[in-house]
Amino acid sequence: MNIVMKNQIISELDSLPDQKGPSLLDYLHFLKKDSIDYTPNQETIDAINQADRDRKNMKSFSSVDDMFKDMGIEE
């Protein structure tokens, strides 16, 4: 960040009430994390893998009639 931007931020901070400090600090931490790549936890990885397996096991049909026939529902 360039010095001009830092000075503008510091100028704004000087007029901020003390009770806003914790919220501002939380927001700054959020902004820093925004650019970090996260590694998903195991539960997320398992859910993605299960969805992928489910997708691969899905049948596709060329028409609704074919789907109904496969389900044993015919006109």
Protein backbone atom coordinates (compact mmCIF):
# COMPACT_ATOMS: atom_id res chain seq x y z
CA MET A 1 0.00 0.00 0.00
CA ASN A 2 1.38 3.40 -0.90
CA ILE A 3 2.13 6.14 1.64
CA VAL A 4 -0.66 8.44 0.43
CA MET A 5 -3.27 5.73 1.00
CA LYS A 6 -1.82 4.92 4.43
CA ASN A 7 -1.97 8.59 5.43
CA GLN A 8 -5.61 8.84 4.32
CA ILE A 9 -6.49 5.76 6.37
CA ILE A 10 -4.67 7.12 9.44
CA SER A 11 -6.48 10.43 9.03
CA GLU A 12 -9.83 8.62 9.03
CA LEU A 13 -8.80 6.53 12.06
CA ASP A 14 -8.07 9.65 14.10
CA SER A 15 -11.73 10.68 13.94
CA LEU A 16 -13.11 7.22 14.72
CA PRO A 17 -14.60 6.62 18.19
CA ASP A 18 -12.82 4.06 20.37
CA GLN A 19 -15.78 1.68 20.44
CA LYS A 20 -15.45 1.20 16.66
CA GLY A 21 -11.86 -0.06 17.02
CA PRO A 22 -12.63 -3.77 17.52
CA SER A 23 -15.02 -3.83 14.56
CA LEU A 24 -12.49 -2.10 12.35
CA LEU A 25 -9.77 -4.53 13.41
CA ASP A 26 -12.06 -7.48 12.62
CA TYR A 27 -12.76 -6.01 9.20
CA LEU A 28 -9.04 -5.52 8.50
CA HIS A 29 -8.40 -9.16 9.40
CA PHE A 30 -11.24 -10.14 7.05
CA LEU A 31 -9.71 -8.13 4.21
CA LYS A 32 -6.32 -9.77 4.73
CA LYS A 33 -7.83 -13.26 4.70
CA ASP A 34 -9.75 -12.51 1.51
CA SER A 35 -6.60 -12.98 -0.56
CA ILE A 36 -5.46 -16.18 1.17
CA ASP A 37 -6.24 -19.54 -0.40
CA TYR A 38 -8.08 -21.75 2.06
CA THR A 39 -7.76 -25.49 2.36
CA PRO A 40 -11.21 -27.00 2.86
CA ASN A 41 -11.78 -29.12 5.95
CA GLN A 42 -12.37 -32.88 5.68
CA GLU A 43 -16.16 -32.54 5.97
CA THR A 44 -16.22 -30.25 2.92
CA ILE A 45 -13.95 -32.55 0.93
CA ASP A 46 -16.17 -35.55 1.80
CA ALA A 47 -19.32 -33.66 0.73
CA ILE A 48 -17.75 -32.69 -2.60
CA ASN A 49 -16.57 -36.24 -3.24
CA GLN A 50 -20.02 -37.65 -2.39
CA ALA A 51 -21.72 -35.19 -4.73
CA ASP A 52 -19.29 -36.18 -7.48
CA ARG A 53 -20.02 -39.90 -6.92
CA ASP A 54 -23.75 -39.21 -6.93
CA ARG A 55 -23.45 -37.27 -10.19
CA LYS A 56 -21.54 -40.11 -11.84
CA ASN A 57 -24.21 -42.62 -10.77
CA MET A 58 -27.11 -40.61 -12.17
CA LYS A 59 -28.92 -42.02 -15.15
CA SER A 60 -29.68 -39.81 -18.09
CA PHE A 61 -32.64 -40.27 -20.38
CA SER A 62 -33.29 -39.02 -23.87
CA SER A 63 -36.92 -38.25 -23.04
CA VAL A 64 -39.38 -38.14 -20.19
CA ASP A 65 -41.10 -41.21 -21.68
CA ASP A 66 -37.84 -43.17 -21.39
CA MET A 67 -37.50 -42.10 -17.76
CA PHE A 68 -41.06 -43.24 -16.98
CA LYS A 69 -40.44 -46.55 -18.73
CA ASP A 70 -37.33 -47.09 -16.62
CA MET A 71 -39.42 -46.40 -13.51
CA GLY A 72 -42.05 -48.91 -14.65
CA ILE A 73 -44.61 -46.23 -15.38
CA GLU A 74 -46.09 -46.55 -18.85
CA GLU A 75 -49.18 -45.12 -20.45
